[in-house]
Each structure stands twice: as structure tokens, then as C-alpha cells.
C-alpha atoms as a PDB file:
ATOM      1  CA  MET A   1      78.837 207.309  66.257  1.00  0.00           C
ATOM      2  CA  SER A   2      81.657 205.965  63.626  1.00  0.00           C
ATOM      3  CA  THR A   3      84.539 207.524  62.233  1.00  0.00           C
ATOM      4  CA  LEU A   4      84.837 206.107  58.807  1.00  0.00           C
ATOM      5  CA  LEU A   5      88.152 205.755  57.369  1.00  0.00           C
ATOM      6  CA  THR A   6      89.227 206.954  53.621  1.00  0.00           C
ATOM      7  CA  TRP A   7      92.971 205.529  52.694  1.00  0.00           C
ATOM      8  CA  LYS A   8      94.516 202.358  51.501  1.00  0.00           C
ATOM      9  CA  MET A   9      97.290 200.506  53.152  1.00  0.00           C
ATOM     10  CA  SER A  10      99.161 197.526  52.114  1.00  0.00           C
ATOM     11  CA  PRO A  11      97.291 194.576  50.387  1.00  0.00           C
ATOM     12  CA  ALA A  12      95.916 191.768  52.316  1.00  0.00           C
ATOM     13  CA  ILE A  13      93.357 189.070  52.449  1.00  0.00           C
ATOM     14  CA  LEU A  14      90.277 189.358  55.032  1.00  0.00           C
ATOM     15  CA  VAL A  15      87.001 187.344  55.016  1.00  0.00           C
ATOM     16  CA  ALA A  16      84.172 188.971  57.115  1.00  0.00           C
ATOM     17  CA  VAL A  17      81.405 186.887  58.417  1.00  0.00           C
ATOM     18  CA  GLY A  18      78.259 188.959  58.517  1.00  0.00           C
ATOM     19  CA  LEU A  19      80.061 191.699  60.483  1.00  0.00           C
ATOM     20  CA  GLN A  20      78.116 194.052  62.378  1.00  0.00           C
ATOM     21  CA  LEU A  21      80.141 197.216  64.229  1.00  0.00           C
ATOM     22  CA  ILE A  22      80.138 197.561  68.089  1.00  0.00           C
ATOM     23  CA  GLY A  23      81.979 200.189  69.660  1.00  0.00           C
ATOM     24  CA  ALA A  24      84.871 198.842  72.042  1.00  0.00           C
ATOM     25  CA  ALA A  25      87.560 200.321  73.835  1.00  0.00           C
ATOM     26  CA  PHE A  26      89.059 201.177  77.053  1.00  0.00           C
ATOM     27  CA  SER A  27      91.109 204.023  78.509  1.00  0.00           C
ATOM     28  CA  THR A  28      93.343 205.290  81.121  1.00  0.00           C
ATOM     29  CA  ALA A  29      94.322 208.951  82.021  1.00  0.00           C
ATOM     30  CA  SER A  30      97.141 208.525  79.471  1.00  0.00           C
ATOM     31  CA  SER A  31      96.155 206.070  76.725  1.00  0.00           C
ATOM     32  CA  CYS A  32      92.799 205.071  74.746  1.00  0.00           C
ATOM     33  CA  GLN A  33      92.622 201.675  72.841  1.00  0.00           C
ATOM     34  CA  CYS A  34      90.736 201.880  69.642  1.00  0.00           C
ATOM     35  CA  PHE A  35      89.559 199.095  67.294  1.00  0.00           C
ATOM     36  CA  ILE A  36      89.025 199.352  63.557  1.00  0.00           C
ATOM     37  CA  GLY A  37      85.726 197.462  62.623  1.00  0.00           C
ATOM     38  CA  GLN A  38      83.238 196.965  59.456  1.00  0.00           C
ATOM     39  CA  GLU A  39      79.693 198.320  59.660  1.00  0.00           C
ATOM     40  CA  ASN A  40      76.930 198.075  57.007  1.00  0.00           C
ATOM     41  CA  GLU A  41      76.080 200.908  54.832  1.00  0.00           C
ATOM     42  CA  PRO A  42      72.126 200.630  54.344  1.00  0.00           C
ATOM     43  CA  ALA A  43      72.196 202.550  51.114  1.00  0.00           C
ATOM     44  CA  THR A  44      74.634 200.057  49.310  1.00  0.00           C
ATOM     45  CA  ASN A  45      74.399 197.362  51.514  1.00  0.00           C
ATOM     46  CA  ARG A  46      78.107 197.047  51.474  1.00  0.00           C
ATOM     47  CA  MET A  47      80.573 196.681  54.369  1.00  0.00           C
ATOM     48  CA  ARG A  48      82.623 199.743  55.090  1.00  0.00           C
ATOM     49  CA  TRP A  49      85.632 200.049  57.641  1.00  0.00           C
ATOM     50  CA  ALA A  50      85.021 202.285  60.594  1.00  0.00           C
ATOM     51  CA  LEU A  51      86.516 203.780  63.544  1.00  0.00           C
ATOM     52  CA  PRO A  52      83.858 203.749  66.137  1.00  0.00           C
ATOM     53  CA  TYR A  53      84.896 206.965  68.005  1.00  0.00           C
ATOM     54  CA  LYS A  54      83.683 210.452  67.799  1.00  0.00           C
ATOM     55  CA  ASN A  55      87.248 211.520  68.110  1.00  0.00           C
ATOM     56  CA  PRO A  56      89.729 209.302  66.534  1.00  0.00           C
ATOM     57  CA  CYS A  57      92.439 211.903  67.512  1.00  0.00           C
ATOM     58  CA  LYS A  58      92.304 210.543  71.166  1.00  0.00           C
ATOM     59  CA  CYS A  59      93.226 207.190  70.189  1.00  0.00           C
ATOM     60  CA  SER A  60      96.677 205.940  71.675  1.00  0.00           C
ATOM     61  CA  SER A  61      96.728 202.700  69.630  1.00  0.00           C
ATOM     62  CA  VAL A  62      94.613 201.144  66.798  1.00  0.00           C
ATOM     63  CA  GLN A  63      93.972 197.604  66.159  1.00  0.00           C
ATOM     64  CA  LEU A  64      91.477 195.230  64.305  1.00  0.00           C
ATOM     65  CA  GLY A  65      88.387 194.448  65.905  1.00  0.00           C
ATOM     66  CA  GLY A  66      85.388 195.751  67.660  1.00  0.00           C
ATOM     67  CA  VAL A  67      83.087 193.432  65.466  1.00  0.00           C
ATOM     68  CA  ASN A  68      80.036 191.182  66.413  1.00  0.00           C
ATOM     69  CA  MET A  69      79.401 188.097  64.892  1.00  0.00           C
ATOM     70  CA  VAL A  70      76.050 187.148  66.535  1.00  0.00           C
ATOM     71  CA  ARG A  71      73.772 187.910  63.389  1.00  0.00           C
ATOM     72  CA  PRO A  72      75.520 186.562  60.436  1.00  0.00           C
ATOM     73  CA  LEU A  73      74.466 188.193  56.976  1.00  0.00           C
ATOM     74  CA  ARG A  74      76.739 187.103  54.621  1.00  0.00           C
ATOM     75  CA  LEU A  75      80.018 186.335  53.411  1.00  0.00           C
ATOM     76  CA  VAL A  76      82.510 188.970  52.617  1.00  0.00           C
ATOM     77  CA  GLN A  77      85.883 188.887  50.858  1.00  0.00           C
ATOM     78  CA  VAL A  78      87.911 192.046  51.036  1.00  0.00           C
ATOM     79  CA  PRO A  79      90.740 192.121  48.662  1.00  0.00           C
ATOM     80  CA  TYR A  80      92.740 194.554  50.725  1.00  0.00           C
ATOM     81  CA  VAL A  81      92.485 196.300  54.052  1.00  0.00           C
ATOM     82  CA  ASP A  82      91.819 199.973  53.428  1.00  0.00           C
ATOM     83  CA  ALA A  83      92.455 201.300  57.227  1.00  0.00           C
ATOM     84  CA  SER A  84      95.611 202.317  58.394  1.00  0.00           C
ATOM     85  CA  PHE A  85      96.830 200.978  61.989  1.00  0.00           C
ATOM     86  CA  HIS A  86      99.664 203.465  61.934  1.00  0.00           C
ATOM     87  CA  LEU A  87      98.714 206.505  64.349  1.00  0.00           C
ATOM     88  CA  PRO A  88     100.714 209.077  62.504  1.00  0.00           C
ATOM     89  CA  GLU A  89      98.706 208.493  59.280  1.00  0.00           C
ATOM     90  CA  ILE A  90      95.529 208.358  61.034  1.00  0.00           C
ATOM     91  CA  ARG A  91      96.348 211.838  63.004  1.00  0.00           C
ATOM     92  CA  THR A  92      97.546 213.107  59.567  1.00  0.00           C
ATOM     93  CA  GLN A  93      94.353 212.073  57.669  1.00  0.00           C
ATOM     94  CA  PHE A  94      91.955 213.808  60.414  1.00  0.00           C
ATOM     95  CA  ASN A  95      94.201 216.549  60.686  1.00  0.00           C
ATOM     96  CA  CYS A  96      94.716 216.200  64.377  1.00  0.00           C
ATOM     97  CA  SER A  97      96.363 219.103  66.270  1.00  0.00           C
ATOM     98  CA  ILE A  98      98.565 217.660  69.029  1.00  0.00           C
ATOM     99  CA  LYS A  99      99.270 218.640  72.495  1.00  0.00           C
ATOM    100  CA  TYR A 100     102.069 217.216  74.051  1.00  0.00           C
ATOM    101  CA  GLY A 101     102.377 216.570  78.125  1.00  0.00           C
ATOM    102  CA  CYS A 102     104.782 215.222  80.523  1.00  0.00           C
ATOM    103  CA  SER A 103     103.374 212.816  83.258  1.00  0.00           C
ATOM    104  CA  GLU A 104     106.434 213.930  85.403  1.00  0.00           C
ATOM    105  CA  GLU A 105     108.689 216.775  84.489  1.00  0.00           C
ATOM    106  CA  LYS A 106     112.365 216.037  85.143  1.00  0.00           C
ATOM    107  CA  PRO A 107     115.685 217.227  84.545  1.00  0.00           C
ATOM    108  CA  LEU A 108     116.960 215.800  81.191  1.00  0.00           C
ATOM    109  CA  GLY A 109     120.571 215.196  81.834  1.00  0.00           C
ATOM    110  CA  MET A 110     122.833 218.077  82.012  1.00  0.00           C
ATOM    111  CA  GLU A 111     123.769 218.125  85.498  1.00  0.00           C
ATOM    112  CA  ASP A 112     124.046 214.562  86.014  1.00  0.00           C
ATOM    113  CA  GLY A 113     126.143 213.695  82.697  1.00  0.00           C
ATOM    114  CA  ARG A 114     123.205 211.563  80.912  1.00  0.00           C
ATOM    115  CA  ILE A 115     123.704 214.376  78.099  1.00  0.00           C
ATOM    116  CA  PRO A 116     127.669 213.653  76.651  1.00  0.00           C
ATOM    117  CA  LYS A 117     130.091 216.340  76.644  1.00  0.00           C
ATOM    118  CA  ASP A 118     130.106 216.100  72.841  1.00  0.00           C
ATOM    119  CA  SER A 119     126.508 216.871  72.760  1.00  0.00           C
ATOM    120  CA  ILE A 120     126.795 220.463  73.926  1.00  0.00           C
ATOM    121  CA  THR A 121     128.232 222.754  71.568  1.00  0.00           C
ATOM    122  CA  ALA A 122     128.440 226.615  71.495  1.00  0.00           C
ATOM    123  CA  SER A 123     129.151 229.191  68.933  1.00  0.00           C
ATOM    124  CA  SER A 124     132.170 229.918  70.772  1.00  0.00           C
ATOM    125  CA  TYR A 125     134.034 229.732  74.073  1.00  0.00           C
ATOM    126  CA  PHE A 126     136.666 231.815  75.711  1.00  0.00           C
ATOM    127  CA  ARG A 127     139.907 231.731  73.849  1.00  0.00           C
ATOM    128  CA  LYS A 128     139.211 228.064  73.118  1.00  0.00           C
ATOM    129  CA  ARG A 129     140.154 226.991  76.457  1.00  0.00           C
ATOM    130  CA  SER A 130     138.422 223.509  77.522  1.00  0.00           C
ATOM    131  CA  ASP A 131     137.874 225.022  81.008  1.00  0.00           C
ATOM    132  CA  HIS A 132     135.502 227.583  79.746  1.00  0.00           C
ATOM    133  CA  GLY A 133     134.140 225.105  77.094  1.00  0.00           C
ATOM    134  CA  PRO A 134     130.298 224.368  76.506  1.00  0.00           C
ATOM    135  CA  ALA A 135     130.568 220.978  78.777  1.00  0.00           C
ATOM    136  CA  ARG A 136     131.323 223.629  81.651  1.00  0.00           C
ATOM    137  CA  ALA A 137     127.686 224.559  81.258  1.00  0.00           C
ATOM    138  CA  ARG A 138     126.600 221.854  83.113  1.00  0.00           C
ATOM    139  CA  LEU A 139     124.192 222.901  86.436  1.00  0.00           C
ATOM    140  CA  ASN A 140     126.098 223.212  89.567  1.00  0.00           C
ATOM    141  CA  THR A 141     129.539 222.903  87.704  1.00  0.00           C
ATOM    142  CA  GLN A 142     132.435 224.078  90.315  1.00  0.00           C
ATOM    143  CA  GLY A 143     136.136 224.686  90.338  1.00  0.00           C
ATOM    144  CA  VAL A 144     137.932 227.311  87.628  1.00  0.00           C
ATOM    145  CA  ALA A 145     135.551 228.853  85.022  1.00  0.00           C
ATOM    146  CA  ALA A 146     132.710 227.332  86.813  1.00  0.00           C
ATOM    147  CA  ALA A 147     130.373 228.215  83.311  1.00  0.00           C
ATOM    148  CA  TRP A 148     130.349 228.095  79.874  1.00  0.00           C
ATOM    149  CA  CYS A 149     132.036 231.362  78.702  1.00  0.00           C
ATOM    150  CA  CYS A 150     131.708 232.676  75.275  1.00  0.00           C
ATOM    151  CA  ASP A 151     134.473 234.457  73.455  1.00  0.00           C
ATOM    152  CA  GLU A 152     133.606 238.247  73.258  1.00  0.00           C
ATOM    153  CA  ILE A 153     136.031 238.810  70.581  1.00  0.00           C
ATOM    154  CA  GLN A 154     134.838 235.948  68.146  1.00  0.00           C
ATOM    155  CA  ASP A 155     131.333 236.346  69.105  1.00  0.00           C
ATOM    156  CA  PRO A 156     130.431 239.549  70.641  1.00  0.00           C
ATOM    157  CA  ASP A 157     126.677 240.092  69.793  1.00  0.00           C
ATOM    158  CA  HIS A 158     124.800 236.609  68.815  1.00  0.00           C
ATOM    159  CA  PRO A 159     126.430 233.793  71.059  1.00  0.00           C
ATOM    160  CA  TRP A 160     124.565 230.542  71.858  1.00  0.00           C
ATOM    161  CA  ILE A 161     124.833 227.167  73.471  1.00  0.00           C
ATOM    162  CA  GLN A 162     123.122 224.069  72.440  1.00  0.00           C
ATOM    163  CA  VAL A 163     122.147 220.440  73.193  1.00  0.00           C
ATOM    164  CA  GLU A 164     121.685 217.505  70.901  1.00  0.00           C
ATOM    165  CA  PHE A 165     119.588 215.058  72.368  1.00  0.00           C
ATOM    166  CA  GLU A 166     120.015 211.296  71.816  1.00  0.00           C
ATOM    167  CA  SER A 167     116.186 210.981  70.664  1.00  0.00           C
ATOM    168  CA  GLU A 168     113.596 213.530  70.402  1.00  0.00           C
ATOM    169  CA  VAL A 169     112.406 214.753  74.097  1.00  0.00           C
ATOM    170  CA  TYR A 170     109.536 216.959  75.577  1.00  0.00           C
ATOM    171  CA  VAL A 171     111.063 220.202  76.847  1.00  0.00           C
ATOM    172  CA  THR A 172     108.979 222.432  79.091  1.00  0.00           C
ATOM    173  CA  GLY A 173     111.567 224.764  80.775  1.00  0.00           C
ATOM    174  CA  LEU A 174     115.142 225.443  81.653  1.00  0.00           C
ATOM    175  CA  VAL A 175     116.714 226.125  85.127  1.00  0.00           C
ATOM    176  CA  THR A 176     119.524 228.630  84.533  1.00  0.00           C
ATOM    177  CA  GLN A 177     122.654 229.593  87.070  1.00  0.00           C
ATOM    178  CA  SER A 178     125.390 232.371  86.853  1.00  0.00           C
ATOM    179  CA  ARG A 179     129.101 231.430  86.798  1.00  0.00           C
ATOM    180  CA  GLY A 180     130.251 229.711  89.971  1.00  0.00           C
ATOM    181  CA  GLY A 181     132.007 232.237  92.595  1.00  0.00           C
ATOM    182  CA  ASP A 182     135.465 231.076  91.417  1.00  0.00           C
ATOM    183  CA  SER A 183     138.436 233.682  91.968  1.00  0.00           C
ATOM    184  CA  ASN A 184     138.336 234.845  88.370  1.00  0.00           C
ATOM    185  CA  ASN A 185     134.663 235.719  88.369  1.00  0.00           C
ATOM    186  CA  ARG A 186     135.076 238.811  90.242  1.00  0.00           C
ATOM    187  CA  ASN A 187     132.265 240.890  88.049  1.00  0.00           C
ATOM    188  CA  ARG A 188     129.475 238.291  88.651  1.00  0.00           C
ATOM    189  CA  GLN A 189     129.310 236.944  85.268  1.00  0.00           C
ATOM    190  CA  ARG A 190     125.699 235.750  84.381  1.00  0.00           C
ATOM    191  CA  VAL A 191     122.894 235.838  81.460  1.00  0.00           C
ATOM    192  CA  THR A 192     119.923 237.784  82.298  1.00  0.00           C
ATOM    193  CA  ARG A 193     117.837 237.033  79.322  1.00  0.00           C
ATOM    194  CA  PHE A 194     117.515 234.650  76.448  1.00  0.00           C
ATOM    195  CA  ARG A 195     115.828 233.265  73.885  1.00  0.00           C
ATOM    196  CA  VAL A 196     115.058 229.359  73.027  1.00  0.00           C
ATOM    197  CA  ALA A 197     115.173 227.542  69.837  1.00  0.00           C
ATOM    198  CA  HIS A 198     114.454 224.306  68.869  1.00  0.00           C
ATOM    199  CA  SER A 199     115.267 221.918  65.626  1.00  0.00           C
ATOM    200  CA  ASN A 200     114.802 218.232  64.591  1.00  0.00           C
ATOM    201  CA  ASP A 201     117.698 218.316  62.349  1.00  0.00           C
ATOM    202  CA  GLY A 202     120.163 220.761  63.987  1.00  0.00           C
ATOM    203  CA  ALA A 203     120.055 223.041  60.737  1.00  0.00           C
ATOM    204  CA  SER A 204     116.404 224.688  60.418  1.00  0.00           C
ATOM    205  CA  TRP A 205     115.536 226.171  63.716  1.00  0.00           C
ATOM    206  CA  LYS A 206     112.229 227.425  65.278  1.00  0.00           C
ATOM    207  CA  TYR A 207     112.070 230.102  67.921  1.00  0.00           C
ATOM    208  CA  VAL A 208     109.685 229.448  71.041  1.00  0.00           C
ATOM    209  CA  THR A 209     107.314 232.125  70.321  1.00  0.00           C
ATOM    210  CA  GLY A 210     104.830 234.404  72.298  1.00  0.00           C
ATOM    211  CA  THR A 211     101.167 234.720  71.550  1.00  0.00           C
ATOM    212  CA  ASN A 212     102.247 237.480  68.962  1.00  0.00           C
ATOM    213  CA  GLY A 213     104.184 234.920  67.042  1.00  0.00           C
ATOM    214  CA  THR A 214     107.563 236.778  67.860  1.00  0.00           C
ATOM    215  CA  PRO A 215     110.710 235.093  69.851  1.00  0.00           C
ATOM    216  CA  LYS A 216     109.773 234.961  73.433  1.00  0.00           C
ATOM    217  CA  GLU A 217     112.418 236.153  75.635  1.00  0.00           C
ATOM    218  CA  PHE A 218     112.890 234.579  79.304  1.00  0.00           C
ATOM    219  CA  ILE A 219     114.412 235.940  82.455  1.00  0.00           C
ATOM    220  CA  GLY A 220     117.588 234.349  83.424  1.00  0.00           C
ATOM    221  CA  ASN A 221     120.013 235.262  86.525  1.00  0.00           C
ATOM    222  CA  SER A 222     119.302 238.780  88.112  1.00  0.00           C
ATOM    223  CA  GLU A 223     122.326 240.889  89.123  1.00  0.00           C
ATOM    224  CA  SER A 224     121.246 240.122  92.752  1.00  0.00           C
ATOM    225  CA  ASP A 225     121.398 236.387  92.372  1.00  0.00           C
ATOM    226  CA  ASP A 226     124.103 234.731  94.168  1.00  0.00           C
ATOM    227  CA  TYR A 227     126.409 232.574  92.227  1.00  0.00           C
ATOM    228  CA  ASP A 228     124.571 229.179  92.535  1.00  0.00           C
ATOM    229  CA  ASP A 229     121.258 230.711  92.818  1.00  0.00           C
ATOM    230  CA  LEU A 230     118.635 228.942  90.402  1.00  0.00           C
ATOM    231  CA  ALA A 231     116.341 230.743  88.053  1.00  0.00           C
ATOM    232  CA  THR A 232     113.445 228.691  86.402  1.00  0.00           C
ATOM    233  CA  ALA A 233     112.190 229.617  82.874  1.00  0.00           C
ATOM    234  CA  ARG A 234     108.892 227.996  81.883  1.00  0.00           C
ATOM    235  CA  LEU A 235     108.411 227.909  78.090  1.00  0.00           C
ATOM    236  CA  GLY A 236     104.752 228.245  78.356  1.00  0.00           C
ATOM    237  CA  THR A 237     104.652 225.374  75.785  1.00  0.00           C
ATOM    238  CA  VAL A 238     105.923 221.878  75.354  1.00  0.00           C
ATOM    239  CA  VAL A 239     108.626 221.686  72.565  1.00  0.00           C
ATOM    240  CA  ARG A 240     109.081 218.383  71.103  1.00  0.00           C
ATOM    241  CA  THR A 241     112.838 218.462  69.674  1.00  0.00           C
ATOM    242  CA  LYS A 242     115.986 216.665  69.532  1.00  0.00           C
ATOM    243  CA  PHE A 243     118.009 219.987  69.524  1.00  0.00           C
ATOM    244  CA  LEU A 244     117.819 222.736  72.040  1.00  0.00           C
ATOM    245  CA  ARG A 245     119.490 226.182  71.417  1.00  0.00           C
ATOM    246  CA  ILE A 246     120.000 228.793  74.167  1.00  0.00           C
ATOM    247  CA  LEU A 247     120.352 232.419  72.610  1.00  0.00           C
ATOM    248  CA  PRO A 248     121.674 235.018  75.408  1.00  0.00           C
ATOM    249  CA  THR A 249     120.337 238.275  74.363  1.00  0.00           C
ATOM    250  CA  THR A 250     121.722 240.347  77.527  1.00  0.00           C
ATOM    251  CA  TRP A 251     124.322 239.252  80.227  1.00  0.00           C
ATOM    252  CA  ASN A 252     126.269 241.062  83.113  1.00  0.00           C
ATOM    253  CA  GLY A 253     130.050 241.183  82.579  1.00  0.00           C
ATOM    254  CA  PHE A 254     130.998 238.126  80.313  1.00  0.00           C
ATOM    255  CA  CYS A 255     128.370 235.818  78.715  1.00  0.00           C
ATOM    256  CA  SER A 256     128.354 233.107  80.951  1.00  0.00           C
ATOM    257  CA  MET A 257     125.979 230.464  82.199  1.00  0.00           C
ATOM    258  CA  ARG A 258     125.073 227.034  83.642  1.00  0.00           C
ATOM    259  CA  PHE A 259     121.748 225.198  83.119  1.00  0.00           C
ATOM    260  CA  GLU A 260     119.693 222.322  82.912  1.00  0.00           C
ATOM    261  CA  VAL A 261     116.972 221.201  80.618  1.00  0.00           C
ATOM    262  CA  LEU A 262     113.434 220.417  82.030  1.00  0.00           C
ATOM    263  CA  GLY A 263     110.944 217.851  80.358  1.00  0.00           C
ATOM    264  CA  CYS A 264     110.639 214.287  80.023  1.00  0.00           C
ATOM    265  CA  TYR A 265     111.641 211.393  77.186  1.00  0.00           C
ATOM    266  CA  GLU A 266     109.469 210.277  74.617  1.00  0.00           C
ATOM    267  CA  ASN A 267     108.496 206.926  76.368  1.00  0.00           C
ATOM    268  CA  SER A 268     107.259 209.021  79.483  1.00  0.00           C
ATOM    269  CA  THR A 269     104.933 211.256  77.977  1.00  0.00           C
ATOM    270  CA  PHE A 270     101.096 211.500  77.453  1.00  0.00           C
ATOM    271  CA  THR A 271      99.913 213.186  74.192  1.00  0.00           C
ATOM    272  CA  PHE A 272      96.680 214.765  73.713  1.00  0.00           C
ATOM    273  CA  TYR A 273      95.025 215.171  70.084  1.00  0.00           C
ATOM    274  CA  GLU A 274      91.928 216.847  69.080  1.00  0.00           C
ATOM    275  CA  ALA A 275      90.167 216.820  65.737  1.00  0.00           C
ATOM    276  CA  VAL A 276      90.332 220.350  64.147  1.00  0.00           C
ATOM    277  CA  THR A 277      88.287 219.541  60.914  1.00  0.00           C
ATOM    278  CA  LYS A 278      85.061 217.331  59.856  1.00  0.00           C
ATOM    279  CA  VAL A 279      85.560 213.589  59.596  1.00  0.00           C
ATOM    280  CA  PRO A 280      85.933 212.968  55.669  1.00  0.00           C
ATOM    281  CA  PRO A 281      83.495 211.025  53.874  1.00  0.00           C
ATOM    282  CA  SER A 282      83.173 207.193  53.757  1.00  0.00           C
ATOM    283  CA  THR A 283      84.885 204.746  51.271  1.00  0.00           C
ATOM    284  CA  HIS A 284      83.944 201.182  50.473  1.00  0.00           C
ATOM    285  CA  ASN A 285      85.676 198.047  50.437  1.00  0.00           C
END
């Protein structure tokens, strides 16, 4: 079964010699290469572009091909290519819903320093002292003030800490820690609950939401956790983003935490697409 393409691209000249469509593709667990070809439309005896797949949303790459010249019919001069090879355009055309996934979930660079300190920012930090600053939020940070600690005077109600990634990433969860067991942490500072927001430009933010559409609240470190105990929070979805913000909602003592972001970078993902609307009607060369 062919899927017919209905939009135009940049001009090009193509000579087709009696083309009849044959389906051609190969697929692996993470990719499906698709070929655009031409087929004859019996009603008009004209050639039309077609993508020979029931679900074009599953294509991971698109190329010109998939044709059979064994039975030449006639010469066809095509004044332009009216089929796009640009996957985002194809997926937009067919209204593909996107489901991202990671072939292997990994830490994204808080603990090991791949995320530079200038990319970690916060709404405030205690008395503007760098030893309480956002860069101290790296997982397993040790020493004096072993955590990011917000300033309760400047920012008593709505603190946040965020990460800007070098490029878009896929986030699946977070690992959090309390403030480390230094001598100034007598009241066992920790974030016990938090929300998560994401953004592609650092200005417009969206919360990770539950099934009811309201911001989802995640469990952090409980009061019974030891200083270096880890708490893992799964988002319940995969978020594609360039900025990730943690917004603590409850905490013990001061609002202090260390964390790591889980997920994968864009070049290590596999992506699923599903068609959610009917295939549009055909168009002719």
C-alpha cells in the first residue's frame, strides 16, 4: 500500500523512464529507511509520487528510489520534485505523533562535569557565596556546603535550579541527594518534593504533568535518608529539551540538594512515530 505525498519542494529536473513502483525498505530495531518512488494512476494515466509504506511515520530516513524499469511505458519529464526528503516536513504533513526513547539511559553530565558550571544556574544561593552556589549541586559533591543551597531570605517560597544542555537531550529521570554531611549540616538539609519544567529557549517553560494535566510532583530525599543516599525519580515520559529546571516544593531545613539528570543525547536515541490522521489525497506531477 502506498502513501501519497502532497507537497512541493525546491525545483529540480527528473526524467523517469516508464516507472512502476516497487516497495523497498530495510529496518532494524531503531531505523527504517524508506524510498520515494513513482506509480501510475490508472484514472489519469499519469505518474504520481508515492511513499510505499502503510505508516510513513516510522521512516527514519527517506531517499529517492524504489522503482522498477523492467516494463518501460513512456518517457516522463518532471519539471519539479513534489516530494520532500526532509523528515520533519514529512512528519508534520502526516501529523505524526512522536514518542521518544533512549536505547541506553545514562547520566547526562552533572556529576562528571560534562555540564559546565556556567550552565547550572539557580534562582538564588545562600548569601551569594560561591561555596553554596548552583555548581555545588553536582551529584556526590563533598566538602564544605556539599550542595546547592538556596537563599531563604531572597527566595523563600519558589526556589529553582536549572541546567542548560549544549544541545537538545532526552530526559527520562533525575537522581537526587541531600546536602552532604559537613559540619554545618546539623539539620539534615534536603529537598523532599519537587516539580520539573523544561524549555527549548530558556524563556517559555512547560511542566512535566500527570495524566490529569496538572504539574507532577516527584519524591526527593526523605528525612530518613542518609546524607549520600540516592533517590531516583522517573518522569514517566521522555522529555526532549535544552533546558531542565527543578522546582522544589517541600524541603527539610534549608532548600539544599545535589542531583544528576538521566537520559541520553540526541545521537543515541531511537524514536517512534505513529500516524494519527488519515493519509492525505494524492497529487500529480
